[in-house]
N, C-alpha and C. Protein backbone atom coordinates (compact mmCIF):
# COMPACT_ATOMS: atom_id res chain seq x y z
N UNK A 1 -20.22 18.97 -5.26
CA UNK A 1 -19.00 19.32 -5.96
C UNK A 1 -17.76 18.88 -5.18
N UNK A 2 -17.88 18.88 -3.85
CA UNK A 2 -16.73 18.50 -3.02
C UNK A 2 -16.38 17.03 -3.21
N UNK A 3 -17.40 16.17 -3.35
CA UNK A 3 -17.13 14.74 -3.55
C UNK A 3 -16.48 14.50 -4.91
N UNK A 4 -16.85 15.28 -5.89
CA UNK A 4 -16.23 15.15 -7.22
C UNK A 4 -14.75 15.48 -7.14
N UNK A 5 -14.40 16.53 -6.41
CA UNK A 5 -13.00 16.92 -6.26
C UNK A 5 -12.20 15.83 -5.53
N UNK A 6 -12.86 15.15 -4.58
CA UNK A 6 -12.20 14.05 -3.88
C UNK A 6 -11.85 12.92 -4.85
N UNK A 7 -12.78 12.61 -5.76
CA UNK A 7 -12.51 11.59 -6.78
C UNK A 7 -11.39 12.01 -7.72
N UNK A 8 -11.38 13.26 -8.09
CA UNK A 8 -10.34 13.77 -9.01
C UNK A 8 -8.96 13.67 -8.34
N UNK A 9 -8.88 14.06 -7.06
CA UNK A 9 -7.60 13.97 -6.35
C UNK A 9 -7.13 12.52 -6.23
N UNK A 10 -8.06 11.60 -5.93
CA UNK A 10 -7.69 10.19 -5.83
C UNK A 10 -7.21 9.67 -7.17
N UNK A 11 -7.88 10.06 -8.25
CA UNK A 11 -7.47 9.64 -9.58
C UNK A 11 -6.09 10.17 -9.94
N UNK A 12 -5.85 11.44 -9.64
CA UNK A 12 -4.55 12.03 -9.96
C UNK A 12 -3.42 11.41 -9.15
N UNK A 13 -3.65 11.19 -7.88
CA UNK A 13 -2.62 10.61 -7.01
C UNK A 13 -2.33 9.16 -7.40
N UNK A 14 -3.38 8.34 -7.51
CA UNK A 14 -3.20 6.95 -7.91
C UNK A 14 -2.63 6.83 -9.31
N UNK A 15 -3.08 7.70 -10.20
CA UNK A 15 -2.55 7.69 -11.57
C UNK A 15 -1.08 8.05 -11.63
N UNK A 16 -0.67 9.00 -10.79
CA UNK A 16 0.74 9.38 -10.76
C UNK A 16 1.60 8.23 -10.25
N UNK A 17 1.12 7.51 -9.24
CA UNK A 17 1.87 6.35 -8.73
C UNK A 17 1.96 5.26 -9.79
N UNK A 18 0.87 5.04 -10.51
CA UNK A 18 0.89 4.04 -11.59
C UNK A 18 1.80 4.48 -12.73
N UNK A 19 1.79 5.77 -13.04
CA UNK A 19 2.65 6.29 -14.10
C UNK A 19 4.12 6.09 -13.76
N UNK A 20 4.48 6.35 -12.51
CA UNK A 20 5.86 6.13 -12.09
C UNK A 20 6.24 4.66 -12.23
N UNK A 21 5.33 3.77 -11.82
CA UNK A 21 5.59 2.34 -11.96
C UNK A 21 5.75 1.92 -13.41
N UNK A 22 4.91 2.46 -14.29
CA UNK A 22 5.00 2.10 -15.70
C UNK A 22 6.30 2.62 -16.32
N UNK A 23 6.71 3.80 -15.93
CA UNK A 23 7.99 4.34 -16.42
C UNK A 23 9.14 3.46 -15.95
N UNK A 24 9.09 3.03 -14.70
CA UNK A 24 10.14 2.14 -14.19
C UNK A 24 10.17 0.82 -14.96
N UNK A 25 9.02 0.28 -15.30
CA UNK A 25 8.97 -0.96 -16.08
C UNK A 25 9.54 -0.75 -17.48
N UNK A 26 9.15 0.35 -18.12
CA UNK A 26 9.54 0.60 -19.51
C UNK A 26 10.99 1.04 -19.66
N UNK A 27 11.49 1.83 -18.74
CA UNK A 27 12.80 2.48 -18.94
C UNK A 27 13.94 1.88 -18.13
N UNK A 28 13.65 0.95 -17.24
CA UNK A 28 14.72 0.34 -16.45
C UNK A 28 14.68 -1.17 -16.62
N UNK A 29 15.66 -1.82 -16.11
CA UNK A 29 15.70 -3.28 -16.15
C UNK A 29 15.07 -3.92 -14.93
N UNK A 30 14.38 -3.12 -14.12
CA UNK A 30 13.77 -3.66 -12.91
C UNK A 30 12.61 -4.58 -13.26
N UNK A 31 12.52 -5.67 -12.54
CA UNK A 31 11.38 -6.58 -12.73
C UNK A 31 10.17 -6.01 -11.98
N UNK A 32 8.97 -6.40 -12.38
CA UNK A 32 7.79 -5.91 -11.65
C UNK A 32 7.84 -6.24 -10.15
N UNK A 33 8.39 -7.39 -9.79
CA UNK A 33 8.47 -7.74 -8.37
C UNK A 33 9.36 -6.76 -7.61
N UNK A 34 10.46 -6.37 -8.20
CA UNK A 34 11.35 -5.41 -7.54
C UNK A 34 10.71 -4.03 -7.43
N UNK A 35 9.93 -3.68 -8.43
CA UNK A 35 9.22 -2.40 -8.38
C UNK A 35 8.17 -2.43 -7.27
N UNK A 36 7.48 -3.54 -7.12
CA UNK A 36 6.48 -3.66 -6.06
C UNK A 36 7.13 -3.55 -4.69
N UNK A 37 8.25 -4.21 -4.52
CA UNK A 37 8.98 -4.12 -3.24
C UNK A 37 9.46 -2.69 -3.01
N UNK A 38 9.93 -2.05 -4.06
CA UNK A 38 10.38 -0.66 -3.95
C UNK A 38 9.24 0.25 -3.51
N UNK A 39 8.05 0.01 -4.05
CA UNK A 39 6.88 0.80 -3.67
C UNK A 39 6.55 0.61 -2.18
N UNK A 40 6.57 -0.61 -1.71
CA UNK A 40 6.27 -0.85 -0.29
C UNK A 40 7.33 -0.19 0.59
N UNK A 41 8.59 -0.35 0.23
CA UNK A 41 9.67 0.26 1.03
C UNK A 41 9.58 1.78 0.98
N UNK A 42 9.26 2.33 -0.18
CA UNK A 42 9.10 3.79 -0.28
C UNK A 42 7.97 4.27 0.62
N UNK A 43 6.87 3.51 0.68
CA UNK A 43 5.77 3.87 1.56
C UNK A 43 6.17 3.82 3.03
N UNK A 44 6.97 2.81 3.39
CA UNK A 44 7.45 2.70 4.77
C UNK A 44 8.36 3.87 5.11
N UNK A 45 9.30 4.16 4.23
CA UNK A 45 10.26 5.24 4.50
C UNK A 45 9.55 6.60 4.55
N UNK A 46 8.71 6.87 3.55
CA UNK A 46 8.00 8.15 3.53
C UNK A 46 7.03 8.27 4.70
N UNK A 47 6.40 7.16 5.08
CA UNK A 47 5.52 7.18 6.24
C UNK A 47 6.29 7.36 7.53
N UNK A 48 7.47 6.74 7.60
CA UNK A 48 8.29 6.84 8.80
C UNK A 48 8.79 8.25 9.07
N UNK A 49 9.10 8.99 8.02
CA UNK A 49 9.60 10.36 8.20
C UNK A 49 8.49 11.40 8.15
N UNK A 50 7.23 10.93 7.97
CA UNK A 50 6.10 11.85 8.02
C UNK A 50 5.75 12.54 6.71
N UNK A 51 6.31 12.10 5.60
CA UNK A 51 6.01 12.74 4.32
C UNK A 51 4.82 12.13 3.59
N UNK A 52 4.45 10.90 3.95
CA UNK A 52 3.36 10.24 3.21
C UNK A 52 1.98 10.65 3.73
N UNK A 53 1.89 11.03 4.99
CA UNK A 53 0.59 11.38 5.56
C UNK A 53 -0.07 12.56 4.84
N UNK A 54 0.65 13.65 4.53
CA UNK A 54 -0.01 14.72 3.77
C UNK A 54 -0.49 14.25 2.39
N UNK A 55 0.28 13.36 1.75
CA UNK A 55 -0.14 12.82 0.47
C UNK A 55 -1.40 11.97 0.63
N UNK A 56 -1.46 11.16 1.68
CA UNK A 56 -2.64 10.33 1.94
C UNK A 56 -3.85 11.19 2.28
N UNK A 57 -3.63 12.27 3.00
CA UNK A 57 -4.74 13.17 3.31
C UNK A 57 -5.26 13.84 2.04
N UNK A 58 -4.38 14.23 1.15
CA UNK A 58 -4.79 14.90 -0.08
C UNK A 58 -5.36 13.91 -1.10
N UNK A 59 -4.66 12.80 -1.32
CA UNK A 59 -5.04 11.86 -2.38
C UNK A 59 -6.05 10.82 -1.99
N UNK A 60 -6.34 10.67 -0.71
CA UNK A 60 -7.33 9.70 -0.27
C UNK A 60 -6.99 8.30 -0.73
N UNK A 61 -7.97 7.62 -1.32
CA UNK A 61 -7.77 6.23 -1.76
C UNK A 61 -6.71 6.12 -2.85
N UNK A 62 -6.46 7.17 -3.58
CA UNK A 62 -5.41 7.14 -4.59
C UNK A 62 -4.02 6.99 -3.99
N UNK A 63 -3.89 7.31 -2.72
CA UNK A 63 -2.60 7.17 -2.03
C UNK A 63 -2.58 5.98 -1.08
N UNK A 64 -3.73 5.60 -0.55
CA UNK A 64 -3.74 4.53 0.46
C UNK A 64 -3.97 3.15 -0.12
N UNK A 65 -4.55 3.03 -1.30
CA UNK A 65 -4.83 1.72 -1.88
C UNK A 65 -3.60 1.09 -2.54
N UNK A 66 -2.76 1.84 -3.27
CA UNK A 66 -1.58 1.21 -3.89
C UNK A 66 -0.59 0.67 -2.86
N UNK A 67 0.42 -0.01 -3.32
CA UNK A 67 1.40 -0.63 -2.43
C UNK A 67 2.15 0.37 -1.56
N UNK A 68 2.31 1.58 -2.02
CA UNK A 68 2.93 2.59 -1.17
C UNK A 68 2.06 2.85 0.05
N UNK A 69 0.76 2.76 -0.11
CA UNK A 69 -0.16 2.92 1.01
C UNK A 69 -0.03 1.78 2.01
N UNK A 70 0.25 0.57 1.52
CA UNK A 70 0.49 -0.56 2.41
C UNK A 70 1.74 -0.32 3.24
N UNK A 71 2.79 0.17 2.61
CA UNK A 71 4.02 0.50 3.34
C UNK A 71 3.78 1.59 4.37
N UNK A 72 3.00 2.59 3.98
CA UNK A 72 2.65 3.68 4.90
C UNK A 72 1.87 3.14 6.10
N UNK A 73 0.94 2.20 5.85
CA UNK A 73 0.16 1.59 6.92
C UNK A 73 1.07 0.83 7.89
N UNK A 74 2.05 0.11 7.35
CA UNK A 74 3.00 -0.61 8.20
C UNK A 74 3.77 0.36 9.10
N UNK A 75 4.28 1.44 8.50
CA UNK A 75 5.06 2.42 9.27
C UNK A 75 4.19 3.10 10.33
N UNK A 76 2.96 3.42 9.97
CA UNK A 76 2.05 4.07 10.91
C UNK A 76 1.73 3.13 12.07
N UNK A 77 1.52 1.85 11.77
CA UNK A 77 1.25 0.87 12.82
C UNK A 77 2.43 0.69 13.76
N UNK A 78 3.63 0.68 13.21
CA UNK A 78 4.83 0.54 14.05
C UNK A 78 4.98 1.77 14.95
N UNK A 79 4.78 2.95 14.40
CA UNK A 79 4.88 4.18 15.21
C UNK A 79 3.92 4.14 16.38
N UNK A 80 2.68 3.79 16.09
CA UNK A 80 1.66 3.75 17.12
C UNK A 80 1.98 2.69 18.18
N UNK A 81 2.40 1.51 17.75
CA UNK A 81 2.71 0.43 18.69
C UNK A 81 3.92 0.76 19.55
N UNK A 82 4.91 1.44 18.99
CA UNK A 82 6.09 1.82 19.78
C UNK A 82 5.69 2.83 20.85
N UNK A 83 4.78 3.75 20.51
CA UNK A 83 4.31 4.71 21.51
C UNK A 83 3.57 4.02 22.65
N UNK A 84 2.81 2.96 22.31
CA UNK A 84 2.00 2.28 23.31
C UNK A 84 2.77 1.19 24.07
N UNK A 85 3.62 0.42 23.37
CA UNK A 85 4.24 -0.76 23.96
C UNK A 85 5.75 -0.66 24.12
N UNK A 86 6.35 0.36 23.61
CA UNK A 86 7.79 0.47 23.66
C UNK A 86 8.44 -0.29 22.52
N UNK A 87 9.62 -0.80 22.76
CA UNK A 87 10.41 -1.46 21.71
C UNK A 87 9.72 -2.69 21.13
N UNK A 88 8.90 -3.37 21.90
CA UNK A 88 8.19 -4.54 21.39
C UNK A 88 7.26 -4.17 20.24
N UNK A 89 6.80 -2.94 20.19
CA UNK A 89 5.93 -2.47 19.13
C UNK A 89 6.56 -2.51 17.75
N UNK A 90 7.89 -2.50 17.69
CA UNK A 90 8.58 -2.60 16.40
C UNK A 90 8.25 -3.93 15.72
N UNK A 91 8.13 -4.98 16.53
CA UNK A 91 7.86 -6.31 15.98
C UNK A 91 6.38 -6.55 15.70
N UNK A 92 5.49 -5.93 16.44
CA UNK A 92 4.07 -6.24 16.33
C UNK A 92 3.24 -5.18 15.63
N UNK A 93 3.69 -3.97 15.60
CA UNK A 93 2.87 -2.86 15.12
C UNK A 93 2.44 -2.95 13.67
N UNK A 94 3.36 -3.27 12.78
CA UNK A 94 3.02 -3.32 11.36
C UNK A 94 2.03 -4.41 11.03
N UNK A 95 2.24 -5.59 11.60
CA UNK A 95 1.34 -6.71 11.33
C UNK A 95 -0.03 -6.44 11.92
N UNK A 96 -0.07 -5.87 13.12
CA UNK A 96 -1.35 -5.56 13.75
C UNK A 96 -2.13 -4.54 12.93
N UNK A 97 -1.46 -3.52 12.43
CA UNK A 97 -2.14 -2.49 11.65
C UNK A 97 -2.67 -3.02 10.33
N UNK A 98 -1.96 -3.96 9.73
CA UNK A 98 -2.35 -4.47 8.42
C UNK A 98 -3.14 -5.77 8.49
N UNK A 99 -3.44 -6.25 9.69
CA UNK A 99 -4.07 -7.57 9.84
C UNK A 99 -5.40 -7.68 9.12
N UNK A 100 -6.24 -6.67 9.19
CA UNK A 100 -7.56 -6.74 8.55
C UNK A 100 -7.43 -6.86 7.04
N UNK A 101 -6.55 -6.07 6.44
CA UNK A 101 -6.36 -6.13 4.99
C UNK A 101 -5.75 -7.44 4.54
N UNK A 102 -4.78 -7.94 5.29
CA UNK A 102 -4.15 -9.21 4.94
C UNK A 102 -5.16 -10.35 5.07
N UNK A 103 -5.97 -10.32 6.14
CA UNK A 103 -6.98 -11.36 6.34
C UNK A 103 -8.02 -11.33 5.22
N UNK A 104 -8.45 -10.14 4.84
CA UNK A 104 -9.43 -10.02 3.76
C UNK A 104 -8.86 -10.56 2.44
N UNK A 105 -7.60 -10.26 2.16
CA UNK A 105 -6.98 -10.75 0.93
C UNK A 105 -6.91 -12.27 0.91
N UNK A 106 -6.54 -12.86 2.03
CA UNK A 106 -6.46 -14.32 2.10
C UNK A 106 -7.85 -14.93 1.98
N UNK A 107 -8.82 -14.38 2.69
CA UNK A 107 -10.18 -14.91 2.66
C UNK A 107 -10.78 -14.85 1.26
N UNK A 108 -10.71 -13.68 0.63
CA UNK A 108 -11.31 -13.55 -0.69
C UNK A 108 -10.55 -14.34 -1.75
N UNK A 109 -9.23 -14.47 -1.59
CA UNK A 109 -8.47 -15.34 -2.49
C UNK A 109 -8.91 -16.78 -2.38
N UNK A 110 -9.12 -17.24 -1.16
CA UNK A 110 -9.62 -18.60 -0.93
C UNK A 110 -11.02 -18.76 -1.51
N UNK A 111 -11.89 -17.80 -1.27
CA UNK A 111 -13.26 -17.86 -1.77
C UNK A 111 -13.29 -17.94 -3.30
N UNK A 112 -12.52 -17.12 -3.96
CA UNK A 112 -12.48 -17.14 -5.42
C UNK A 112 -11.91 -18.46 -5.93
N UNK A 113 -10.90 -18.99 -5.25
CA UNK A 113 -10.32 -20.25 -5.69
C UNK A 113 -11.30 -21.42 -5.51
N UNK A 114 -12.20 -21.33 -4.53
CA UNK A 114 -13.20 -22.37 -4.34
C UNK A 114 -14.36 -22.25 -5.35
N UNK A 115 -14.69 -21.02 -5.74
CA UNK A 115 -15.79 -20.81 -6.66
C UNK A 115 -15.42 -21.05 -8.12
N UNK A 116 -14.18 -20.80 -8.47
CA UNK A 116 -13.73 -20.93 -9.84
C UNK A 116 -12.63 -21.97 -9.92
N UNK A 117 -12.35 -22.41 -11.11
CA UNK A 117 -11.31 -23.43 -11.31
C UNK A 117 -10.04 -22.75 -11.78
N UNK A 118 -9.11 -22.48 -10.90
CA UNK A 118 -7.86 -21.86 -11.32
C UNK A 118 -7.07 -22.82 -12.23
N UNK A 119 -6.48 -22.26 -13.27
CA UNK A 119 -5.68 -23.05 -14.21
C UNK A 119 -4.34 -22.39 -14.42
N UNK A 120 -3.38 -23.20 -14.76
CA UNK A 120 -2.07 -22.68 -15.10
C UNK A 120 -2.12 -22.12 -16.51
N UNK A 121 -1.33 -21.09 -16.77
CA UNK A 121 -1.29 -20.51 -18.12
C UNK A 121 -0.56 -21.39 -19.10
N UNK A 122 0.24 -22.32 -18.61
CA UNK A 122 1.06 -23.16 -19.48
C UNK A 122 0.27 -24.21 -20.21
């Protein structure tokens, strides 16, 4: 029963983030690209002030997989690197923390592009 509740929390958290994004698309003049950037920045800001961690603990993958989770990961990496390396950690911490995810995205994007024939929609 505990694992089921974990799935429900992830669904509710991720669904709420998607709902906010859909409302922003429907009710504002913001482009999807600006909304995506806003989500990453919101994750960085909320992670930097310590408000995103309780949400990530509660929502699990529903909070860490969306773009706000990427921003939170960047902020968390910078915090950790600054504690370990000082001011130099500001420049290296975010990239180091997100390196595995970025590498996986590039690798699998390359793999899919080699296996399939990408075409333009035009």
